[in-house]
Structures are given as C-alpha cells and as structure tokens.
Amino acid sequence: MATTTVIPGGTYQKGSANLGPAIVPVGLVFVRLEFDITLFTETDRAIAFSLEISYDNGITWRFLAGATQPGGTFVDDEGLRQTKGFFEARLPEPTNVARQVRGTITITGGVFLTLGGTLTTN
C-alpha cells in the first residue's frame, strides 16, 4: 500500500482551522485523517471534519465527506481505552491528474488535537 502524507501532524486549538489544499497523486484512492483522543474525554467536547475535493486544480470545489465525533472515553471490544481516532473517505477519479483535497476541522470545548492526514492507494 502506497501512502503519501499530505497534512502534517499539528496541534489545533478550539475553533476552526483549514487543512490543505493538497495535491492528490494519481492512483491514490483514500484520504485518512488521524487524531489523538487522549485529551478528548469530556463529553462537552466535539470535533467536526468537512472535506472537499477539486477535480480541476482547485478552481472549483465539491463536498466530499464530513463527520462529527463527540467527546468521551472510547473503548474497544476488549475494554481497552482508545487513544486514536480516524476519519476516512474514498477519493473518486483515481486517474485524474488535477485532483486536490482540502478540509476544515472544528473543535469545541477547548481540546487541543494532534492531527495528520494521508492519502493511500487502497
């Protein structure tokens, strides 16, 4: 699986931040944003993602995907506390040389968040 990092990890404060735009290399079909939920235990906190895609080198943009994650403590099937979350979306038109992605992240409740984004072939 080939992976290209397009959004470097960073710390984001409460409020909204723009991510990208980033060029999507030919053949890459998924975008994945990963985030640290270690400090995300308060239920009055939330994080919202919105991703857009351009098929014409950023001239026009279309909504691609979005999600909201409420705060709280998350455990897996074995009862182990989870410290990382992710948001993933499929990227259409893998042969289009003019694709770009960009996004917005909105954090409520005062949490700081470490985030990184990758594009992958599968």
PDB file of N, CA and C in Angstrom:
ATOM      1  N   MET A   1       0.837  -1.169   0.000  1.00  0.00           N
ATOM      2  CA  MET A   1       0.000   0.000   0.000  1.00  0.00           C
ATOM      3  C   MET A   1       0.887   1.239   0.000  1.00  0.00           C
ATOM      4  N   ALA A   2       0.758   2.072  -1.006  1.00  0.00           N
ATOM      5  CA  ALA A   2       1.494   3.331  -1.061  1.00  0.00           C
ATOM      6  C   ALA A   2       0.759   4.385  -0.254  1.00  0.00           C
ATOM      7  N   THR A   3       1.515   5.181   0.509  1.00  0.00           N
ATOM      8  CA  THR A   3       0.937   6.234   1.329  1.00  0.00           C
ATOM      9  C   THR A   3       1.711   7.516   1.108  1.00  0.00           C
ATOM     10  N   THR A   4       0.999   8.626   0.998  1.00  0.00           N
ATOM     11  CA  THR A   4       1.588   9.946   0.871  1.00  0.00           C
ATOM     12  C   THR A   4       1.024  10.820   1.974  1.00  0.00           C
ATOM     13  N   THR A   5       1.878  11.434   2.789  1.00  0.00           N
ATOM     14  CA  THR A   5       1.406  12.343   3.829  1.00  0.00           C
ATOM     15  C   THR A   5       1.149  13.701   3.201  1.00  0.00           C
ATOM     16  N   VAL A   6      -0.075  14.187   3.349  1.00  0.00           N
ATOM     17  CA  VAL A   6      -0.439  15.462   2.736  1.00  0.00           C
ATOM     18  C   VAL A   6      -0.786  16.529   3.756  1.00  0.00           C
ATOM     19  N   ILE A   7      -1.129  16.123   4.958  1.00  0.00           N
ATOM     20  CA  ILE A   7      -1.423  17.081   6.014  1.00  0.00           C
ATOM     21  C   ILE A   7      -0.535  16.706   7.187  1.00  0.00           C
ATOM     22  N   PRO A   8       0.479  17.514   7.467  1.00  0.00           N
ATOM     23  CA  PRO A   8       1.383  17.151   8.558  1.00  0.00           C
ATOM     24  C   PRO A   8       0.678  17.209   9.908  1.00  0.00           C
ATOM     25  N   GLY A   9       1.174  16.414  10.851  1.00  0.00           N
ATOM     26  CA  GLY A   9       0.625  16.461  12.198  1.00  0.00           C
ATOM     27  C   GLY A   9       0.794  17.844  12.785  1.00  0.00           C
ATOM     28  N   GLY A  10      -0.142  18.242  13.626  1.00  0.00           N
ATOM     29  CA  GLY A  10      -0.081  19.556  14.245  1.00  0.00           C
ATOM     30  C   GLY A  10      -1.028  19.608  15.422  1.00  0.00           C
ATOM     31  N   THR A  11      -0.933  20.661  16.187  1.00  0.00           N
ATOM     32  CA  THR A  11      -1.829  20.851  17.316  1.00  0.00           C
ATOM     33  C   THR A  11      -2.788  21.976  16.981  1.00  0.00           C
ATOM     34  N   TYR A  12      -4.059  21.700  17.130  1.00  0.00           N
ATOM     35  CA  TYR A  12      -5.102  22.648  16.787  1.00  0.00           C
ATOM     36  C   TYR A  12      -5.887  23.000  18.043  1.00  0.00           C
ATOM     37  N   GLN A  13      -6.167  24.279  18.230  1.00  0.00           N
ATOM     38  CA  GLN A  13      -6.897  24.735  19.395  1.00  0.00           C
ATOM     39  C   GLN A  13      -8.381  24.834  19.084  1.00  0.00           C
ATOM     40  N   LYS A  14      -9.149  25.135  20.112  1.00  0.00           N
ATOM     41  CA  LYS A  14     -10.591  25.317  19.956  1.00  0.00           C
ATOM     42  C   LYS A  14     -10.876  26.310  18.834  1.00  0.00           C
ATOM     43  N   GLY A  15     -11.879  26.015  18.033  1.00  0.00           N
ATOM     44  CA  GLY A  15     -12.240  26.852  16.903  1.00  0.00           C
ATOM     45  C   GLY A  15     -12.095  26.077  15.607  1.00  0.00           C
ATOM     46  N   SER A  16     -12.043  26.797  14.505  1.00  0.00           N
ATOM     47  CA  SER A  16     -11.943  26.166  13.187  1.00  0.00           C
ATOM     48  C   SER A  16     -10.569  26.402  12.577  1.00  0.00           C
ATOM     49  N   ALA A  17     -10.103  25.417  11.834  1.00  0.00           N
ATOM     50  CA  ALA A  17      -8.835  25.524  11.117  1.00  0.00           C
ATOM     51  C   ALA A  17      -8.997  24.889   9.743  1.00  0.00           C
ATOM     52  N   ASN A  18      -8.381  25.507   8.758  1.00  0.00           N
ATOM     53  CA  ASN A  18      -8.396  24.960   7.405  1.00  0.00           C
ATOM     54  C   ASN A  18      -7.202  24.038   7.217  1.00  0.00           C
ATOM     55  N   LEU A  19      -7.412  22.942   6.509  1.00  0.00           N
ATOM     56  CA  LEU A  19      -6.373  21.958   6.207  1.00  0.00           C
ATOM     57  C   LEU A  19      -6.206  21.900   4.698  1.00  0.00           C
ATOM     58  N   GLY A  20      -4.999  22.034   4.221  1.00  0.00           N
ATOM     59  CA  GLY A  20      -4.757  21.957   2.786  1.00  0.00           C
ATOM     60  C   GLY A  20      -4.962  23.310   2.130  1.00  0.00           C
ATOM     61  N   PRO A  21      -5.093  23.321   0.815  1.00  0.00           N
ATOM     62  CA  PRO A  21      -5.309  22.166  -0.062  1.00  0.00           C
ATOM     63  C   PRO A  21      -4.032  21.362  -0.293  1.00  0.00           C
ATOM     64  N   ALA A  22      -4.248  20.121  -0.713  1.00  0.00           N
ATOM     65  CA  ALA A  22      -3.159  19.205  -1.007  1.00  0.00           C
ATOM     66  C   ALA A  22      -3.418  18.535  -2.349  1.00  0.00           C
ATOM     67  N   ILE A  23      -2.381  18.398  -3.132  1.00  0.00           N
ATOM     68  CA  ILE A  23      -2.475  17.703  -4.421  1.00  0.00           C
ATOM     69  C   ILE A  23      -2.627  16.212  -4.148  1.00  0.00           C
ATOM     70  N   VAL A  24      -3.514  15.576  -4.890  1.00  0.00           N
ATOM     71  CA  VAL A  24      -3.739  14.133  -4.760  1.00  0.00           C
ATOM     72  C   VAL A  24      -3.041  13.436  -5.923  1.00  0.00           C
ATOM     73  N   PRO A  25      -1.978  12.697  -5.661  1.00  0.00           N
ATOM     74  CA  PRO A  25      -1.289  11.994  -6.744  1.00  0.00           C
ATOM     75  C   PRO A  25      -2.203  10.963  -7.428  1.00  0.00           C
ATOM     76  N   VAL A  26      -1.948  10.740  -8.700  1.00  0.00           N
ATOM     77  CA  VAL A  26      -2.688   9.744  -9.468  1.00  0.00           C
ATOM     78  C   VAL A  26      -2.577   8.383  -8.782  1.00  0.00           C
ATOM     79  N   GLY A  27      -3.690   7.672  -8.720  1.00  0.00           N
ATOM     80  CA  GLY A  27      -3.711   6.332  -8.157  1.00  0.00           C
ATOM     81  C   GLY A  27      -4.115   6.263  -6.698  1.00  0.00           C
ATOM     82  N   LEU A  28      -4.060   7.377  -5.984  1.00  0.00           N
ATOM     83  CA  LEU A  28      -4.438   7.346  -4.578  1.00  0.00           C
ATOM     84  C   LEU A  28      -5.952   7.457  -4.443  1.00  0.00           C
ATOM     85  N   VAL A  29      -6.529   6.584  -3.607  1.00  0.00           N
ATOM     86  CA  VAL A  29      -7.983   6.465  -3.580  1.00  0.00           C
ATOM     87  C   VAL A  29      -8.618   6.700  -2.219  1.00  0.00           C
ATOM     88  N   PHE A  30      -7.833   6.903  -1.160  1.00  0.00           N
ATOM     89  CA  PHE A  30      -8.398   7.175   0.162  1.00  0.00           C
ATOM     90  C   PHE A  30      -7.690   8.356   0.803  1.00  0.00           C
ATOM     91  N   VAL A  31      -8.441   9.139   1.545  1.00  0.00           N
ATOM     92  CA  VAL A  31      -7.872  10.139   2.425  1.00  0.00           C
ATOM     93  C   VAL A  31      -8.211   9.707   3.847  1.00  0.00           C
ATOM     94  N   ARG A  32      -7.240   9.813   4.740  1.00  0.00           N
ATOM     95  CA  ARG A  32      -7.437   9.389   6.131  1.00  0.00           C
ATOM     96  C   ARG A  32      -6.853  10.460   7.045  1.00  0.00           C
ATOM     97  N   LEU A  33      -7.674  10.983   7.939  1.00  0.00           N
ATOM     98  CA  LEU A  33      -7.237  11.921   8.950  1.00  0.00           C
ATOM     99  C   LEU A  33      -7.201  11.192  10.277  1.00  0.00           C
ATOM    100  N   GLU A  34      -6.090  11.268  10.965  1.00  0.00           N
ATOM    101  CA  GLU A  34      -5.953  10.600  12.259  1.00  0.00           C
ATOM    102  C   GLU A  34      -5.814  11.647  13.349  1.00  0.00           C
ATOM    103  N   PHE A  35      -6.404  11.366  14.510  1.00  0.00           N
ATOM    104  CA  PHE A  35      -6.346  12.323  15.601  1.00  0.00           C
ATOM    105  C   PHE A  35      -6.198  11.631  16.940  1.00  0.00           C
ATOM    106  N   ASP A  36      -5.566  12.348  17.842  1.00  0.00           N
ATOM    107  CA  ASP A  36      -5.292  11.868  19.189  1.00  0.00           C
ATOM    108  C   ASP A  36      -6.475  12.229  20.082  1.00  0.00           C
ATOM    109  N   ILE A  37      -7.126  11.221  20.677  1.00  0.00           N
ATOM    110  CA  ILE A  37      -8.284  11.485  21.535  1.00  0.00           C
ATOM    111  C   ILE A  37      -7.951  11.291  23.013  1.00  0.00           C
ATOM    112  N   THR A  38      -6.655  11.299  23.342  1.00  0.00           N
ATOM    113  CA  THR A  38      -6.233  11.130  24.730  1.00  0.00           C
ATOM    114  C   THR A  38      -6.858  12.182  25.638  1.00  0.00           C
ATOM    115  N   LEU A  39      -6.890  13.429  25.195  1.00  0.00           N
ATOM    116  CA  LEU A  39      -7.449  14.529  25.989  1.00  0.00           C
ATOM    117  C   LEU A  39      -8.905  14.820  25.647  1.00  0.00           C
ATOM    118  N   PHE A  40      -9.534  13.906  24.983  1.00  0.00           N
ATOM    119  CA  PHE A  40     -10.872  14.117  24.439  1.00  0.00           C
ATOM    120  C   PHE A  40     -11.935  13.439  25.305  1.00  0.00           C
ATOM    121  N   THR A  41     -11.722  13.378  26.620  1.00  0.00           N
ATOM    122  CA  THR A  41     -12.586  12.593  27.499  1.00  0.00           C
ATOM    123  C   THR A  41     -13.825  13.333  27.987  1.00  0.00           C
ATOM    124  N   GLU A  42     -13.858  14.641  27.877  1.00  0.00           N
ATOM    125  CA  GLU A  42     -15.010  15.413  28.347  1.00  0.00           C
ATOM    126  C   GLU A  42     -16.145  15.357  27.327  1.00  0.00           C
ATOM    127  N   THR A  43     -17.348  15.101  27.810  1.00  0.00           N
ATOM    128  CA  THR A  43     -18.482  14.946  26.897  1.00  0.00           C
ATOM    129  C   THR A  43     -18.985  16.267  26.321  1.00  0.00           C
ATOM    130  N   ASP A  44     -18.487  17.405  26.830  1.00  0.00           N
ATOM    131  CA  ASP A  44     -18.891  18.692  26.258  1.00  0.00           C
ATOM    132  C   ASP A  44     -17.996  19.097  25.086  1.00  0.00           C
ATOM    133  N   ARG A  45     -17.115  18.210  24.685  1.00  0.00           N
ATOM    134  CA  ARG A  45     -16.209  18.476  23.573  1.00  0.00           C
ATOM    135  C   ARG A  45     -16.684  17.747  22.320  1.00  0.00           C
ATOM    136  N   ALA A  46     -16.300  18.289  21.177  1.00  0.00           N
ATOM    137  CA  ALA A  46     -16.625  17.637  19.907  1.00  0.00           C
ATOM    138  C   ALA A  46     -15.639  18.096  18.846  1.00  0.00           C
ATOM    139  N   ILE A  47     -15.502  17.262  17.833  1.00  0.00           N
ATOM    140  CA  ILE A  47     -14.663  17.604  16.687  1.00  0.00           C
ATOM    141  C   ILE A  47     -15.466  17.297  15.431  1.00  0.00           C
ATOM    142  N   ALA A  48     -15.454  18.224  14.491  1.00  0.00           N
ATOM    143  CA  ALA A  48     -16.167  18.042  13.228  1.00  0.00           C
ATOM    144  C   ALA A  48     -15.179  18.193  12.077  1.00  0.00           C
ATOM    145  N   PHE A  49     -15.309  17.306  11.096  1.00  0.00           N
ATOM    146  CA  PHE A  49     -14.476  17.342   9.895  1.00  0.00           C
ATOM    147  C   PHE A  49     -15.356  17.581   8.685  1.00  0.00           C
ATOM    148  N   SER A  50     -14.846  18.333   7.748  1.00  0.00           N
ATOM    149  CA  SER A  50     -15.503  18.512   6.464  1.00  0.00           C
ATOM    150  C   SER A  50     -14.413  18.486   5.399  1.00  0.00           C
ATOM    151  N   LEU A  51     -14.568  17.620   4.404  1.00  0.00           N
ATOM    152  CA  LEU A  51     -13.590  17.512   3.321  1.00  0.00           C
ATOM    153  C   LEU A  51     -14.227  17.901   1.994  1.00  0.00           C
ATOM    154  N   GLU A  52     -13.450  18.594   1.177  1.00  0.00           N
ATOM    155  CA  GLU A  52     -13.885  18.950  -0.166  1.00  0.00           C
ATOM    156  C   GLU A  52     -12.847  18.433  -1.157  1.00  0.00           C
ATOM    157  N   ILE A  53     -13.293  18.215  -2.389  1.00  0.00           N
ATOM    158  CA  ILE A  53     -12.393  17.756  -3.454  1.00  0.00           C
ATOM    159  C   ILE A  53     -12.552  18.653  -4.672  1.00  0.00           C
ATOM    160  N   SER A  54     -11.447  18.870  -5.353  1.00  0.00           N
ATOM    161  CA  SER A  54     -11.440  19.596  -6.610  1.00  0.00           C
ATOM    162  C   SER A  54     -10.926  18.646  -7.689  1.00  0.00           C
ATOM    163  N   TYR A  55     -11.553  18.681  -8.846  1.00  0.00           N
ATOM    164  CA  TYR A  55     -11.123  17.866  -9.985  1.00  0.00           C
ATOM    165  C   TYR A  55     -10.421  18.711 -11.049  1.00  0.00           C
ATOM    166  N   ASP A  56     -10.268  20.032 -10.762  1.00  0.00           N
ATOM    167  CA  ASP A  56      -9.726  20.957 -11.756  1.00  0.00           C
ATOM    168  C   ASP A  56      -8.652  21.878 -11.157  1.00  0.00           C
ATOM    169  N   ASN A  57      -7.737  21.294 -10.381  1.00  0.00           N
ATOM    170  CA  ASN A  57      -6.619  22.035  -9.776  1.00  0.00           C
ATOM    171  C   ASN A  57      -7.050  23.178  -8.865  1.00  0.00           C
ATOM    172  N   GLY A  58      -8.160  22.992  -8.144  1.00  0.00           N
ATOM    173  CA  GLY A  58      -8.581  23.968  -7.153  1.00  0.00           C
ATOM    174  C   GLY A  58      -9.421  25.120  -7.656  1.00  0.00           C
ATOM    175  N   ILE A  59      -9.870  25.056  -8.902  1.00  0.00           N
ATOM    176  CA  ILE A  59     -10.722  26.130  -9.417  1.00  0.00           C
ATOM    177  C   ILE A  59     -12.113  26.034  -8.795  1.00  0.00           C
ATOM    178  N   THR A  60     -12.669  24.834  -8.765  1.00  0.00           N
ATOM    179  CA  THR A  60     -13.973  24.619  -8.131  1.00  0.00           C
ATOM    180  C   THR A  60     -13.838  23.489  -7.108  1.00  0.00           C
ATOM    181  N   TRP A  61     -14.706  23.517  -6.098  1.00  0.00           N
ATOM    182  CA  TRP A  61     -14.664  22.542  -5.009  1.00  0.00           C
ATOM    183  C   TRP A  61     -16.038  21.939  -4.796  1.00  0.00           C
ATOM    184  N   ARG A  62     -16.054  20.636  -4.441  1.00  0.00           N
ATOM    185  CA  ARG A  62     -17.296  19.917  -4.123  1.00  0.00           C
ATOM    186  C   ARG A  62     -17.132  19.244  -2.765  1.00  0.00           C
ATOM    187  N   PHE A  63     -18.221  19.194  -2.023  1.00  0.00           N
ATOM    188  CA  PHE A  63     -18.218  18.475  -0.755  1.00  0.00           C
ATOM    189  C   PHE A  63     -17.901  17.008  -1.022  1.00  0.00           C
ATOM    190  N   LEU A  64     -17.003  16.430  -0.226  1.00  0.00           N
ATOM    191  CA  LEU A  64     -16.639  15.023  -0.363  1.00  0.00           C
ATOM    192  C   LEU A  64     -17.184  14.197   0.793  1.00  0.00           C
ATOM    193  N   ALA A  65     -16.935  14.641   2.018  1.00  0.00           N
ATOM    194  CA  ALA A  65     -17.376  13.875   3.183  1.00  0.00           C
ATOM    195  C   ALA A  65     -17.264  14.749   4.429  1.00  0.00           C
ATOM    196  N   GLY A  66     -17.966  14.334   5.467  1.00  0.00           N
ATOM    197  CA  GLY A  66     -17.902  15.049   6.732  1.00  0.00           C
ATOM    198  C   GLY A  66     -18.349  14.148   7.867  1.00  0.00           C
ATOM    199  N   ALA A  67     -17.963  14.495   9.070  1.00  0.00           N
ATOM    200  CA  ALA A  67     -18.352  13.717  10.242  1.00  0.00           C
ATOM    201  C   ALA A  67     -18.142  14.557  11.488  1.00  0.00           C
ATOM    202  N   THR A  68     -18.854  14.179  12.545  1.00  0.00           N
ATOM    203  CA  THR A  68     -18.682  14.806  13.855  1.00  0.00           C
ATOM    204  C   THR A  68     -18.422  13.710  14.871  1.00  0.00           C
ATOM    205  N   GLN A  69     -17.449  13.931  15.738  1.00  0.00           N
ATOM    206  CA  GLN A  69     -17.102  12.979  16.800  1.00  0.00           C
ATOM    207  C   GLN A  69     -17.301  13.661  18.145  1.00  0.00           C
ATOM    208  N   PRO A  70     -18.238  13.174  18.958  1.00  0.00           N
ATOM    209  CA  PRO A  70     -18.398  13.757  20.290  1.00  0.00           C
ATOM    210  C   PRO A  70     -17.260  13.328  21.214  1.00  0.00           C
ATOM    211  N   GLY A  71     -17.034  14.078  22.259  1.00  0.00           N
ATOM    212  CA  GLY A  71     -16.031  13.720  23.245  1.00  0.00           C
ATOM    213  C   GLY A  71     -16.506  12.579  24.125  1.00  0.00           C
ATOM    214  N   GLY A  72     -15.606  12.056  24.917  1.00  0.00           N
ATOM    215  CA  GLY A  72     -15.921  10.952  25.809  1.00  0.00           C
ATOM    216  C   GLY A  72     -14.764   9.968  25.822  1.00  0.00           C
ATOM    217  N   THR A  73     -14.882   8.960  26.643  1.00  0.00           N
ATOM    218  CA  THR A  73     -13.877   7.911  26.694  1.00  0.00           C
ATOM    219  C   THR A  73     -14.347   6.763  25.814  1.00  0.00           C
ATOM    220  N   PHE A  74     -13.492   6.306  24.924  1.00  0.00           N
ATOM    221  CA  PHE A  74     -13.847   5.260  23.983  1.00  0.00           C
ATOM    222  C   PHE A  74     -13.041   4.008  24.275  1.00  0.00           C
ATOM    223  N   VAL A  75     -13.703   2.869  24.245  1.00  0.00           N
ATOM    224  CA  VAL A  75     -13.036   1.593  24.488  1.00  0.00           C
ATOM    225  C   VAL A  75     -13.307   0.657  23.321  1.00  0.00           C
ATOM    226  N   ASP A  76     -12.382  -0.280  23.102  1.00  0.00           N
ATOM    227  CA  ASP A  76     -12.568  -1.261  22.040  1.00  0.00           C
ATOM    228  C   ASP A  76     -13.373  -2.446  22.567  1.00  0.00           C
ATOM    229  N   ASP A  77     -13.505  -3.483  21.750  1.00  0.00           N
ATOM    230  CA  ASP A  77     -14.291  -4.667  22.116  1.00  0.00           C
ATOM    231  C   ASP A  77     -13.740  -5.404  23.335  1.00  0.00           C
ATOM    232  N   GLU A  78     -12.462  -5.183  23.637  1.00  0.00           N
ATOM    233  CA  GLU A  78     -11.837  -5.838  24.783  1.00  0.00           C
ATOM    234  C   GLU A  78     -11.801  -4.941  26.012  1.00  0.00           C
ATOM    235  N   GLY A  79     -12.435  -3.771  25.925  1.00  0.00           N
ATOM    236  CA  GLY A  79     -12.485  -2.860  27.053  1.00  0.00           C
ATOM    237  C   GLY A  79     -11.264  -1.979  27.220  1.00  0.00           C
ATOM    238  N   LEU A  80     -10.361  -1.979  26.235  1.00  0.00           N
ATOM    239  CA  LEU A  80      -9.159  -1.147  26.303  1.00  0.00           C
ATOM    240  C   LEU A  80      -9.460   0.264  25.809  1.00  0.00           C
ATOM    241  N   ARG A  81      -8.983   1.249  26.545  1.00  0.00           N
ATOM    242  CA  ARG A  81      -9.213   2.646  26.180  1.00  0.00           C
ATOM    243  C   ARG A  81      -8.503   2.980  24.874  1.00  0.00           C
ATOM    244  N   GLN A  82      -9.211   3.641  23.983  1.00  0.00           N
ATOM    245  CA  GLN A  82      -8.650   4.041  22.700  1.00  0.00           C
ATOM    246  C   GLN A  82      -8.067   5.444  22.800  1.00  0.00           C
ATOM    247  N   THR A  83      -6.915   5.661  22.181  1.00  0.00           N
ATOM    248  CA  THR A  83      -6.257   6.961  22.227  1.00  0.00           C
ATOM    249  C   THR A  83      -6.175   7.627  20.861  1.00  0.00           C
ATOM    250  N   LYS A  84      -6.571   6.908  19.819  1.00  0.00           N
ATOM    251  CA  LYS A  84      -6.543   7.477  18.470  1.00  0.00           C
ATOM    252  C   LYS A  84      -7.881   7.255  17.786  1.00  0.00           C
ATOM    253  N   GLY A  85      -8.265   8.221  16.990  1.00  0.00           N
ATOM    254  CA  GLY A  85      -9.452   8.103  16.164  1.00  0.00           C
ATOM    255  C   GLY A  85      -9.072   8.422  14.735  1.00  0.00           C
ATOM    256  N   PHE A  86      -9.980   8.155  13.811  1.00  0.00           N
ATOM    257  CA  PHE A  86      -9.690   8.480  12.416  1.00  0.00           C
ATOM    258  C   PHE A  86     -10.970   8.761  11.661  1.00  0.00           C
ATOM    259  N   PHE A  87     -10.799   9.415  10.537  1.00  0.00           N
ATOM    260  CA  PHE A  87     -11.874   9.731   9.609  1.00  0.00           C
ATOM    261  C   PHE A  87     -11.325   9.384   8.238  1.00  0.00           C
ATOM    262  N   GLU A  88     -12.071   8.598   7.476  1.00  0.00           N
ATOM    263  CA  GLU A  88     -11.572   8.135   6.183  1.00  0.00           C
ATOM    264  C   GLU A  88     -12.645   8.313   5.122  1.00  0.00           C
ATOM    265  N   ALA A  89     -12.209   8.676   3.922  1.00  0.00           N
ATOM    266  CA  ALA A  89     -13.141   8.835   2.794  1.00  0.00           C
ATOM    267  C   ALA A  89     -12.474   8.341   1.518  1.00  0.00           C
ATOM    268  N   ARG A  90     -13.285   7.806   0.628  1.00  0.00           N
ATOM    269  CA  ARG A  90     -12.805   7.337  -0.676  1.00  0.00           C
ATOM    270  C   ARG A  90     -12.694   8.530  -1.623  1.00  0.00           C
ATOM    271  N   LEU A  91     -11.629   8.561  -2.410  1.00  0.00           N
ATOM    272  CA  LEU A  91     -11.393   9.633  -3.369  1.00  0.00           C
ATOM    273  C   LEU A  91     -11.765   9.162  -4.776  1.00  0.00           C
ATOM    274  N   PRO A  92     -12.750   9.793  -5.409  1.00  0.00           N
ATOM    275  CA  PRO A  92     -13.133   9.410  -6.771  1.00  0.00           C
ATOM    276  C   PRO A  92     -12.064   9.795  -7.803  1.00  0.00           C
ATOM    277  N   GLU A  93     -12.224   9.264  -8.981  1.00  0.00           N
ATOM    278  CA  GLU A  93     -11.403   9.593 -10.161  1.00  0.00           C
ATOM    279  C   GLU A  93      -9.897   9.427  -9.919  1.00  0.00           C
ATOM    280  N   PRO A  94      -9.446   8.205  -9.624  1.00  0.00           N
ATOM    281  CA  PRO A  94      -8.029   7.999  -9.298  1.00  0.00           C
ATOM    282  C   PRO A  94      -7.056   8.306 -10.439  1.00  0.00           C
ATOM    283  N   THR A  95      -7.527   8.423 -11.669  1.00  0.00           N
ATOM    284  CA  THR A  95      -6.635   8.732 -12.788  1.00  0.00           C
ATOM    285  C   THR A  95      -6.593  10.232 -13.116  1.00  0.00           C
ATOM    286  N   ASN A  96      -7.363  11.037 -12.403  1.00  0.00           N
ATOM    287  CA  ASN A  96      -7.420  12.476 -12.655  1.00  0.00           C
ATOM    288  C   ASN A  96      -6.165  13.144 -12.083  1.00  0.00           C
ATOM    289  N   VAL A  97      -5.374  13.808 -12.939  1.00  0.00           N
ATOM    290  CA  VAL A  97      -4.130  14.445 -12.511  1.00  0.00           C
ATOM    291  C   VAL A  97      -4.369  15.809 -11.855  1.00  0.00           C
ATOM    292  N   ALA A  98      -5.590  16.298 -11.869  1.00  0.00           N
ATOM    293  CA  ALA A  98      -5.888  17.641 -11.359  1.00  0.00           C
ATOM    294  C   ALA A  98      -6.621  17.626 -10.014  1.00  0.00           C
ATOM    295  N   ARG A  99      -6.626  16.485  -9.323  1.00  0.00           N
ATOM    296  CA  ARG A  99      -7.354  16.410  -8.045  1.00  0.00           C
ATOM    297  C   ARG A  99      -6.590  17.090  -6.917  1.00  0.00           C
ATOM    298  N   GLN A 100      -7.363  17.726  -6.033  1.00  0.00           N
ATOM    299  CA  GLN A 100      -6.852  18.287  -4.793  1.00  0.00           C
ATOM    300  C   GLN A 100      -7.893  18.047  -3.710  1.00  0.00           C
ATOM    301  N   VAL A 101      -7.457  17.988  -2.462  1.00  0.00           N
ATOM    302  CA  VAL A 101      -8.379  17.911  -1.330  1.00  0.00           C
ATOM    303  C   VAL A 101      -8.054  19.034  -0.353  1.00  0.00           C
ATOM    304  N   ARG A 102      -9.075  19.461   0.358  1.00  0.00           N
ATOM    305  CA  ARG A 102      -8.913  20.419   1.438  1.00  0.00           C
ATOM    306  C   ARG A 102      -9.987  20.129   2.473  1.00  0.00           C
ATOM    307  N   GLY A 103      -9.799  20.657   3.651  1.00  0.00           N
ATOM    308  CA  GLY A 103     -10.771  20.374   4.692  1.00  0.00           C
ATOM    309  C   GLY A 103     -10.823  21.450   5.743  1.00  0.00           C
ATOM    310  N   THR A 104     -11.794  21.293   6.610  1.00  0.00           N
ATOM    311  CA  THR A 104     -11.959  22.157   7.768  1.00  0.00           C
ATOM    312  C   THR A 104     -12.159  21.265   8.974  1.00  0.00           C
ATOM    313  N   ILE A 105     -11.497  21.601  10.062  1.00  0.00           N
ATOM    314  CA  ILE A 105     -11.678  20.909  11.319  1.00  0.00           C
ATOM    315  C   ILE A 105     -12.193  21.948  12.319  1.00  0.00           C
ATOM    316  N   THR A 106     -13.237  21.595  13.056  1.00  0.00           N
ATOM    317  CA  THR A 106     -13.800  22.490  14.062  1.00  0.00           C
ATOM    318  C   THR A 106     -13.814  21.769  15.398  1.00  0.00           C
ATOM    319  N   ILE A 107     -13.178  22.388  16.395  1.00  0.00           N
ATOM    320  CA  ILE A 107     -13.070  21.799  17.727  1.00  0.00           C
ATOM    321  C   ILE A 107     -13.842  22.665  18.707  1.00  0.00           C
ATOM    322  N   THR A 108     -14.723  22.053  19.472  1.00  0.00           N
ATOM    323  CA  THR A 108     -15.465  22.761  20.508  1.00  0.00           C
ATOM    324  C   THR A 108     -15.083  22.198  21.875  1.00  0.00           C
ATOM    325  N   GLY A 109     -15.200  23.001  22.899  1.00  0.00           N
ATOM    326  CA  GLY A 109     -14.957  22.536  24.256  1.00  0.00           C
ATOM    327  C   GLY A 109     -13.532  22.684  24.741  1.00  0.00           C
ATOM    328  N   GLY A 110     -12.649  23.291  23.964  1.00  0.00           N
ATOM    329  CA  GLY A 110     -11.330  23.629  24.448  1.00  0.00           C
ATOM    330  C   GLY A 110     -10.252  22.576  24.321  1.00  0.00           C
ATOM    331  N   VAL A 111     -10.497  21.503  23.608  1.00  0.00           N
ATOM    332  CA  VAL A 111      -9.488  20.457  23.481  1.00  0.00           C
ATOM    333  C   VAL A 111      -8.418  20.856  22.463  1.00  0.00           C
ATOM    334  N   PHE A 112      -7.195  20.406  22.709  1.00  0.00           N
ATOM    335  CA  PHE A 112      -6.121  20.512  21.729  1.00  0.00           C
ATOM    336  C   PHE A 112      -6.066  19.181  21.006  1.00  0.00           C
ATOM    337  N   LEU A 113      -5.710  19.185  19.770  1.00  0.00           N
ATOM    338  CA  LEU A 113      -5.792  17.976  18.977  1.00  0.00           C
ATOM    339  C   LEU A 113      -4.577  17.835  18.090  1.00  0.00           C
ATOM    340  N   THR A 114      -3.974  16.658  18.070  1.00  0.00           N
ATOM    341  CA  THR A 114      -2.881  16.372  17.149  1.00  0.00           C
ATOM    342  C   THR A 114      -3.467  15.615  15.975  1.00  0.00           C
ATOM    343  N   LEU A 115      -3.134  16.043  14.783  1.00  0.00           N
ATOM    344  CA  LEU A 115      -3.790  15.529  13.596  1.00  0.00           C
ATOM    345  C   LEU A 115      -2.786  15.359  12.476  1.00  0.00           C
ATOM    346  N   GLY A 116      -2.969  14.324  11.673  1.00  0.00           N
ATOM    347  CA  GLY A 116      -2.164  14.136  10.473  1.00  0.00           C
ATOM    348  C   GLY A 116      -3.054  13.541   9.403  1.00  0.00           C
ATOM    349  N   GLY A 117      -2.724  13.758   8.153  1.00  0.00           N
ATOM    350  CA  GLY A 117      -3.545  13.246   7.069  1.00  0.00           C
ATOM    351  C   GLY A 117      -2.718  12.529   6.033  1.00  0.00           C
ATOM    352  N   THR A 118      -3.222  11.420   5.533  1.00  0.00           N
ATOM    353  CA  THR A 118      -2.524  10.661   4.498  1.00  0.00           C
ATOM    354  C   THR A 118      -3.478  10.330   3.371  1.00  0.00           C
ATOM    355  N   LEU A 119      -2.904  10.078   2.198  1.00  0.00           N
ATOM    356  CA  LEU A 119      -3.627   9.553   1.052  1.00  0.00           C
ATOM    357  C   LEU A 119      -3.030   8.190   0.761  1.00  0.00           C
ATOM    358  N   THR A 120      -3.867   7.193   0.471  1.00  0.00           N
ATOM    359  CA  THR A 120      -3.349   5.847   0.235  1.00  0.00           C
ATOM    360  C   THR A 120      -3.951   5.237  -1.026  1.00  0.00           C
ATOM    361  N   THR A 121      -3.275   4.179  -1.524  1.00  0.00           N
ATOM    362  CA  THR A 121      -3.730   3.523  -2.745  1.00  0.00           C
ATOM    363  C   THR A 121      -4.841   2.527  -2.486  1.00  0.00           C
ATOM    364  N   ASN A 122      -4.979   2.023  -1.270  1.00  0.00           N
ATOM    365  CA  ASN A 122      -6.083   1.087  -1.012  1.00  0.00           C
ATOM    366  C   ASN A 122      -6.507   1.126   0.426  1.00  0.00           C
TER     367      ASN A 122
END
